[in-house]
Amino acid sequence: MKKTIALLTGGTTGEWVVSVKSAVTIGQNLDPERYDVYKIMLNENGWFYEPADSVKIEIDKNDFSIPLNGRKIKFDVVFIAIHGSPGEDGKLQGYFDMLGIPYTTCNALTSAITMNKGYTKALVADIPELHVAKSLQLLENKSDNLNLIESSLKLPYFVKPNNGGSSIGMSKVKHIEALNESLQKAFDEDNQILVEEFVEGREFSVGVFKSKSGITVLPATEVIPQNEFFDFEAKYTPGATEEITPGRMNEEEKARVERIVKKVYEKLDCKGIVRIDYFLEHGTGNFYFIEINTIPGQTATSFIPQQVAAMGMDLKSFYTQVIEAAL
């Protein structure tokens, strides 16, 4: 008997555009012989199911169901494809936990913690072979932050919002005169920011997922931006970044990266699909953890679909494994 899937897309942040594109890829690759799929849009105006042949129908939030043609559609599992809030910060996960409906992502606690870059780095810092850049977490935009940063960290700095994704509000600071403007830019996006020392190295992004057979690490993507770093423009402007999948690593590096990212996945109690970004430092080859994304993009050009293809797997099989693990 087919399972009934809610494919939840949209969101209340600027990342909703990417979410809608992700949901298109996912929807096209869910096995129609296994699943009846209902795509549901969540935005500032409400939560709606919009059938192709009808007007949109509001979701009953009391039990997350759809009143449709005199019957009530309820769901066996929710495929959450919302990047940013409320999909990636634990809010929806807590809601579905209360309703007892399984979902395809990390749980509420893991989702909430991993949205905070500083808290996440503190949790993974003791994993063997993993390094984190020296950093400061600032909770308010005070004038004495400048002196604190200058006395604690070495230039150049990365300044970025502590929560959120898509590299919005991020800056690289080479000269101390530019620091104040970069702090303001980050605080415009978030009330907590992270300032960290710049690590010179090759940048990679690797997908990790859990199925019934255990934790699988996908082939990593090497990221070579034309800009100085992988910012919002580099992520979403065609041709602004060279992406190599599988990334160029020797056998020792591949084995070490796989060990480390599996430990990160386990330490943070992850579920479903995550993406872990890291540097391999020039000279030493040391693994530097950048961040984890618990609902990574699934658009046609996103890293995860590229990596699934590089592994020799089709997306239908991949998403089936993720859904079956959630069930």
Protein backbone atom coordinates (compact mmCIF):
# COMPACT_ATOMS: atom_id res chain seq x y z
CA MET A 1 0.00 0.00 0.00
CA LYS A 2 1.29 3.44 -0.93
CA LYS A 3 2.48 5.84 1.78
CA THR A 4 1.13 9.39 1.79
CA ILE A 5 3.87 12.03 1.71
CA ALA A 6 3.64 15.75 2.46
CA LEU A 7 6.35 17.62 0.53
CA LEU A 8 6.64 20.83 2.53
CA THR A 9 8.18 23.85 0.79
CA GLY A 10 8.38 27.64 1.04
CA GLY A 11 9.33 29.28 4.31
CA THR A 12 9.41 32.76 5.79
CA THR A 13 12.94 33.88 4.86
CA GLY A 14 14.71 34.90 1.65
CA GLU A 15 15.69 31.27 1.16
CA TRP A 16 12.12 30.35 0.15
CA VAL A 17 13.10 30.77 -3.52
CA VAL A 18 15.70 28.00 -3.22
CA SER A 19 13.21 25.89 -1.25
CA VAL A 20 10.64 26.00 -4.05
CA LYS A 21 13.29 24.90 -6.57
CA SER A 22 14.41 22.10 -4.21
CA ALA A 23 10.85 20.85 -3.93
CA VAL A 24 10.58 20.64 -7.73
CA THR A 25 13.61 18.32 -7.88
CA ILE A 26 12.38 16.21 -4.97
CA GLY A 27 8.83 15.99 -6.31
CA GLN A 28 10.02 14.86 -9.73
CA ASN A 29 12.07 12.06 -8.15
CA LEU A 30 9.72 10.56 -5.55
CA ASP A 31 8.69 7.05 -6.60
CA PRO A 32 5.02 7.25 -7.75
CA GLU A 33 4.61 3.50 -7.25
CA ARG A 34 5.49 3.86 -3.56
CA TYR A 35 4.17 7.29 -2.60
CA ASP A 36 1.18 9.59 -3.04
CA VAL A 37 2.74 13.05 -2.80
CA TYR A 38 1.02 16.30 -1.81
CA LYS A 39 3.12 19.45 -2.21
CA ILE A 40 2.30 21.96 0.53
CA MET A 41 3.36 25.61 0.50
CA LEU A 42 4.13 27.38 3.78
CA ASN A 43 4.57 31.15 3.74
CA GLU A 44 3.55 34.33 5.58
CA ASN A 45 -0.01 33.97 4.24
CA GLY A 46 -0.61 30.47 5.60
CA TRP A 47 -0.12 26.77 4.82
CA PHE A 48 -1.79 25.58 1.62
CA TYR A 49 -2.20 22.62 -0.68
CA GLU A 50 -2.81 23.76 -4.24
CA PRO A 51 -4.01 20.99 -6.57
CA ALA A 52 -3.47 21.51 -10.28
CA ASP A 53 -7.22 21.42 -11.00
CA SER A 54 -8.55 23.41 -8.04
CA VAL A 55 -8.13 26.45 -5.82
CA LYS A 56 -5.69 26.25 -2.93
CA ILE A 57 -6.88 24.47 0.19
CA GLU A 58 -5.77 25.59 3.66
CA ILE A 59 -4.09 22.97 5.85
CA ASP A 60 -5.79 22.08 9.13
CA LYS A 61 -2.93 22.80 11.56
CA ASN A 62 -4.68 20.97 14.39
CA ASP A 63 -3.55 17.66 12.89
CA PHE A 64 -1.68 18.72 9.71
CA SER A 65 -4.32 17.35 7.37
CA ILE A 66 -6.02 18.41 4.14
CA PRO A 67 -9.83 18.53 3.88
CA LEU A 68 -10.29 17.30 0.32
CA ASN A 69 -13.52 16.24 -1.43
CA GLY A 70 -15.28 15.37 1.80
CA ARG A 71 -12.38 13.35 3.24
CA LYS A 72 -9.38 14.11 5.41
CA ILE A 73 -5.90 13.48 3.96
CA LYS A 74 -3.39 12.62 6.68
CA PHE A 75 0.29 11.89 6.21
CA ASP A 76 2.62 9.01 6.94
CA VAL A 77 5.72 11.20 6.71
CA VAL A 78 6.69 14.80 5.93
CA PHE A 79 9.56 15.55 3.55
CA ILE A 80 10.69 18.96 4.85
CA ALA A 81 12.30 21.00 2.05
CA ILE A 82 12.24 24.41 3.75
CA HIS A 83 15.64 26.09 4.06
CA GLY A 84 16.00 28.56 6.91
CA SER A 85 13.10 29.25 9.27
CA PRO A 86 10.86 27.49 10.18
CA GLY A 87 12.15 24.35 8.46
CA GLU A 88 15.76 24.30 9.53
CA ASP A 89 15.65 25.81 13.03
CA GLY A 90 13.58 23.14 14.81
CA LYS A 91 10.21 24.90 14.86
CA LEU A 92 8.47 22.57 12.39
CA GLN A 93 10.21 19.53 13.87
CA GLY A 94 8.78 20.34 17.30
CA TYR A 95 5.32 20.76 15.79
CA PHE A 96 5.47 17.38 14.02
CA ASP A 97 6.87 15.73 17.16
CA MET A 98 3.79 16.87 19.07
CA LEU A 99 1.54 15.46 16.35
CA GLY A 100 3.52 12.20 16.16
CA ILE A 101 4.21 12.56 12.42
CA PRO A 102 7.64 11.35 11.20
CA TYR A 103 9.78 13.68 9.08
CA THR A 104 12.94 13.43 6.98
CA THR A 105 15.25 15.83 8.85
CA CYS A 106 17.19 16.11 12.09
CA ASN A 107 15.11 16.39 15.26
CA ALA A 108 14.04 19.69 16.85
CA LEU A 109 17.00 19.97 19.24
CA THR A 110 19.67 19.19 16.63
CA SER A 111 18.01 21.53 14.12
CA ALA A 112 17.91 24.40 16.63
CA ILE A 113 21.50 23.93 17.78
CA THR A 114 23.00 23.59 14.30
CA MET A 115 21.39 26.83 13.16
CA ASN A 116 23.82 28.49 15.59
CA LYS A 117 27.30 28.26 14.09
CA GLY A 118 29.10 29.07 17.34
CA TYR A 119 27.25 26.44 19.42
CA THR A 120 27.80 23.83 16.71
CA LYS A 121 31.56 24.43 16.58
CA ALA A 122 31.78 24.12 20.36
CA LEU A 123 30.04 20.72 20.22
CA VAL A 124 32.23 19.23 17.47
CA ALA A 125 35.56 20.76 18.55
CA ASP A 126 36.73 17.67 20.46
CA ILE A 127 36.24 15.23 17.56
CA PRO A 128 39.62 13.64 16.69
CA GLU A 129 41.33 15.09 13.58
CA LEU A 130 38.82 17.97 13.38
CA HIS A 131 39.96 21.57 13.76
CA VAL A 132 37.96 24.78 14.16
CA ALA A 133 39.17 28.29 13.40
CA LYS A 134 39.72 30.53 16.44
CA SER A 135 36.65 32.73 16.80
CA LEU A 136 34.56 35.11 18.90
CA GLN A 137 30.78 34.98 19.25
CA LEU A 138 29.28 38.45 19.69
CA LEU A 139 25.79 38.86 21.12
CA GLU A 140 25.34 42.60 20.55
CA ASN A 141 26.85 45.37 18.44
CA LYS A 142 28.92 47.26 21.02
CA SER A 143 31.70 49.77 20.41
CA ASP A 144 34.25 47.79 22.44
CA ASN A 145 33.82 44.77 20.10
CA LEU A 146 36.47 46.29 17.83
CA ASN A 147 39.13 46.25 20.56
CA LEU A 148 38.10 42.75 21.68
CA ILE A 149 38.41 41.34 18.16
CA GLU A 150 41.70 43.09 17.41
CA SER A 151 43.27 41.84 20.67
CA SER A 152 41.95 38.27 20.36
CA LEU A 153 42.15 37.33 16.67
CA LYS A 154 44.62 37.69 13.81
CA LEU A 155 43.68 39.29 10.49
CA PRO A 156 42.14 38.47 8.08
CA TYR A 157 38.72 37.72 9.64
CA PHE A 158 35.51 36.15 8.46
CA VAL A 159 32.48 37.98 9.86
CA LYS A 160 29.13 36.25 9.51
CA PRO A 161 25.68 35.97 11.10
CA ASN A 162 25.62 33.17 13.64
CA ASN A 163 22.26 31.86 12.43
CA GLY A 164 20.84 31.42 8.96
CA GLY A 165 22.29 30.26 5.69
CA SER A 166 23.10 31.07 2.08
CA SER A 167 26.09 33.22 3.21
CA ILE A 168 23.89 36.33 3.50
CA GLY A 169 25.60 39.04 5.57
CA MET A 170 29.05 37.45 5.38
CA SER A 171 32.26 39.45 4.81
CA LYS A 172 36.00 38.86 4.66
CA VAL A 173 37.95 41.57 6.48
CA LYS A 174 41.56 42.13 5.44
CA HIS A 175 42.09 45.52 7.07
CA ILE A 176 40.95 46.63 10.51
CA GLU A 177 39.40 49.80 9.00
CA ALA A 178 36.78 47.65 7.27
CA LEU A 179 35.77 45.75 10.39
CA ASN A 180 33.08 48.10 11.69
CA GLU A 181 31.15 48.06 8.40
CA SER A 182 31.34 44.25 8.25
CA LEU A 183 30.06 43.91 11.82
CA GLN A 184 27.10 46.14 10.99
CA LYS A 185 26.36 44.13 7.85
CA ALA A 186 26.25 40.89 9.87
CA PHE A 187 24.22 42.39 12.72
CA ASP A 188 21.67 43.60 10.16
CA GLU A 189 20.96 39.90 9.51
CA ASP A 190 21.18 38.48 13.03
CA ASN A 191 21.46 39.50 16.69
CA GLN A 192 24.41 37.12 17.14
CA ILE A 193 27.46 37.08 14.91
CA LEU A 194 30.64 35.06 14.60
CA VAL A 195 34.07 36.54 13.90
CA GLU A 196 36.75 33.98 13.11
CA GLU A 197 40.29 33.84 11.84
CA PHE A 198 40.59 33.08 8.16
CA VAL A 199 41.86 29.61 7.25
CA GLU A 200 43.78 29.39 3.99
CA GLY A 201 42.84 26.17 2.26
CA ARG A 202 40.85 24.24 -0.31
CA GLU A 203 37.09 24.35 0.34
CA PHE A 204 34.81 21.31 0.09
CA SER A 205 31.19 20.44 0.76
CA VAL A 206 30.07 16.87 1.43
CA GLY A 207 26.64 15.29 1.80
CA VAL A 208 25.95 12.71 4.49
CA PHE A 209 22.71 10.77 4.98
CA LYS A 210 21.32 7.97 7.08
CA SER A 211 19.41 5.03 5.66
CA LYS A 212 18.36 1.71 7.17
CA SER A 213 21.83 0.37 6.34
CA GLY A 214 23.65 3.12 8.25
CA ILE A 215 25.45 6.42 7.60
CA THR A 216 26.62 7.05 4.03
CA VAL A 217 29.10 9.77 2.99
CA LEU A 218 28.63 11.01 -0.57
CA PRO A 219 31.54 12.07 -2.82
CA ALA A 220 32.64 15.57 -1.76
CA THR A 221 32.40 18.63 -4.02
CA GLU A 222 35.43 20.90 -4.25
CA VAL A 223 34.36 24.55 -4.38
CA ILE A 224 36.53 27.07 -6.23
CA PRO A 225 34.78 30.48 -6.23
CA GLN A 226 35.88 33.28 -8.55
CA ASN A 227 35.22 35.62 -5.62
CA GLU A 228 37.54 35.45 -2.62
CA PHE A 229 35.16 33.16 -0.78
CA PHE A 230 31.93 31.22 -1.28
CA ASP A 231 29.45 34.07 -0.65
CA PHE A 232 25.79 34.47 -1.67
CA GLU A 233 26.74 35.70 -5.16
CA ALA A 234 29.12 32.77 -5.68
CA LYS A 235 26.45 30.28 -4.56
CA TYR A 236 23.63 31.49 -6.78
CA THR A 237 25.24 33.16 -9.81
CA PRO A 238 25.76 30.73 -12.71
CA GLY A 239 29.44 30.43 -13.58
CA ALA A 240 30.63 32.28 -10.45
CA THR A 241 32.03 29.09 -8.92
CA GLU A 242 33.85 26.08 -10.26
CA GLU A 243 32.50 22.89 -8.68
CA ILE A 244 34.38 19.62 -9.00
CA THR A 245 32.59 16.42 -7.95
CA PRO A 246 34.25 14.25 -6.72
CA GLY A 247 36.65 16.83 -5.29
CA ARG A 248 40.40 16.40 -5.66
CA MET A 249 41.60 14.55 -2.57
CA ASN A 250 44.12 11.76 -2.19
CA GLU A 251 43.12 8.43 -0.64
CA GLU A 252 44.31 9.40 2.85
CA GLU A 253 42.32 12.65 2.73
CA LYS A 254 39.19 10.88 1.50
CA ALA A 255 39.38 8.30 4.29
CA ARG A 256 40.08 10.94 6.95
CA VAL A 257 37.26 13.21 5.77
CA GLU A 258 34.82 10.27 5.80
CA ARG A 259 35.86 9.37 9.38
CA ILE A 260 35.47 12.94 10.59
CA VAL A 261 32.12 13.77 8.95
CA LYS A 262 30.58 10.51 10.18
CA LYS A 263 31.67 11.49 13.70
CA VAL A 264 30.12 14.96 13.22
CA TYR A 265 26.86 13.35 12.05
CA GLU A 266 26.82 11.04 15.08
CA LYS A 267 27.92 13.68 17.61
CA LEU A 268 25.14 16.06 16.56
CA ASP A 269 22.58 13.20 16.43
CA CYS A 270 21.70 13.97 12.81
CA LYS A 271 18.99 12.33 10.74
CA GLY A 272 18.17 12.49 7.03
CA ILE A 273 20.36 14.46 4.61
CA VAL A 274 22.92 17.00 5.85
CA ARG A 275 25.77 18.84 4.15
CA ILE A 276 29.04 19.56 5.92
CA ASP A 277 31.36 22.29 4.65
CA TYR A 278 35.09 22.16 5.44
CA PHE A 279 38.56 23.36 4.47
CA LEU A 280 41.69 21.30 3.98
CA GLU A 281 44.35 23.76 5.13
CA HIS A 282 47.16 24.60 2.74
CA GLY A 283 50.45 23.15 3.89
CA THR A 284 49.14 20.94 6.70
CA GLY A 285 46.10 19.30 5.05
CA ASN A 286 44.27 19.73 8.38
CA PHE A 287 40.48 19.39 8.30
CA TYR A 288 38.79 22.63 9.41
CA PHE A 289 35.04 22.42 10.08
CA ILE A 290 33.11 25.38 8.63
CA GLU A 291 29.43 24.56 9.23
CA ILE A 292 26.66 22.03 8.81
CA ASN A 293 23.46 22.52 6.82
CA THR A 294 20.66 20.22 7.99
CA ILE A 295 18.34 20.88 5.02
CA PRO A 296 20.72 21.35 2.10
CA GLY A 297 19.52 22.52 -1.30
CA GLN A 298 18.12 19.92 -3.69
CA THR A 299 17.86 22.05 -6.82
CA ALA A 300 19.03 20.57 -10.11
CA THR A 301 22.42 22.27 -9.69
CA SER A 302 22.82 21.85 -5.91
CA PHE A 303 25.71 19.89 -4.41
CA ILE A 304 23.65 16.96 -3.10
CA PRO A 305 22.13 15.89 -6.47
CA GLN A 306 25.61 16.27 -8.04
CA GLN A 307 27.11 14.02 -5.36
CA VAL A 308 24.35 11.41 -5.59
CA ALA A 309 25.01 11.18 -9.34
CA ALA A 310 28.78 10.92 -8.74
CA MET A 311 28.10 7.97 -6.44
CA GLY A 312 26.27 6.20 -9.26
CA MET A 313 22.89 6.43 -7.54
CA ASP A 314 19.70 7.93 -8.98
CA LEU A 315 17.69 10.47 -7.01
CA LYS A 316 14.61 8.24 -6.87
CA SER A 317 16.55 5.56 -4.99
CA PHE A 318 18.24 8.20 -2.81
CA TYR A 319 15.02 9.88 -1.68
CA THR A 320 13.37 6.49 -1.15
CA GLN A 321 16.15 5.53 1.27
CA VAL A 322 15.73 8.81 3.16
CA ILE A 323 11.94 8.42 3.43
CA GLU A 324 12.12 4.77 4.48
CA ALA A 325 14.62 5.65 7.22
CA ALA A 326 12.23 8.35 8.49
CA LEU A 327 9.34 5.88 8.50
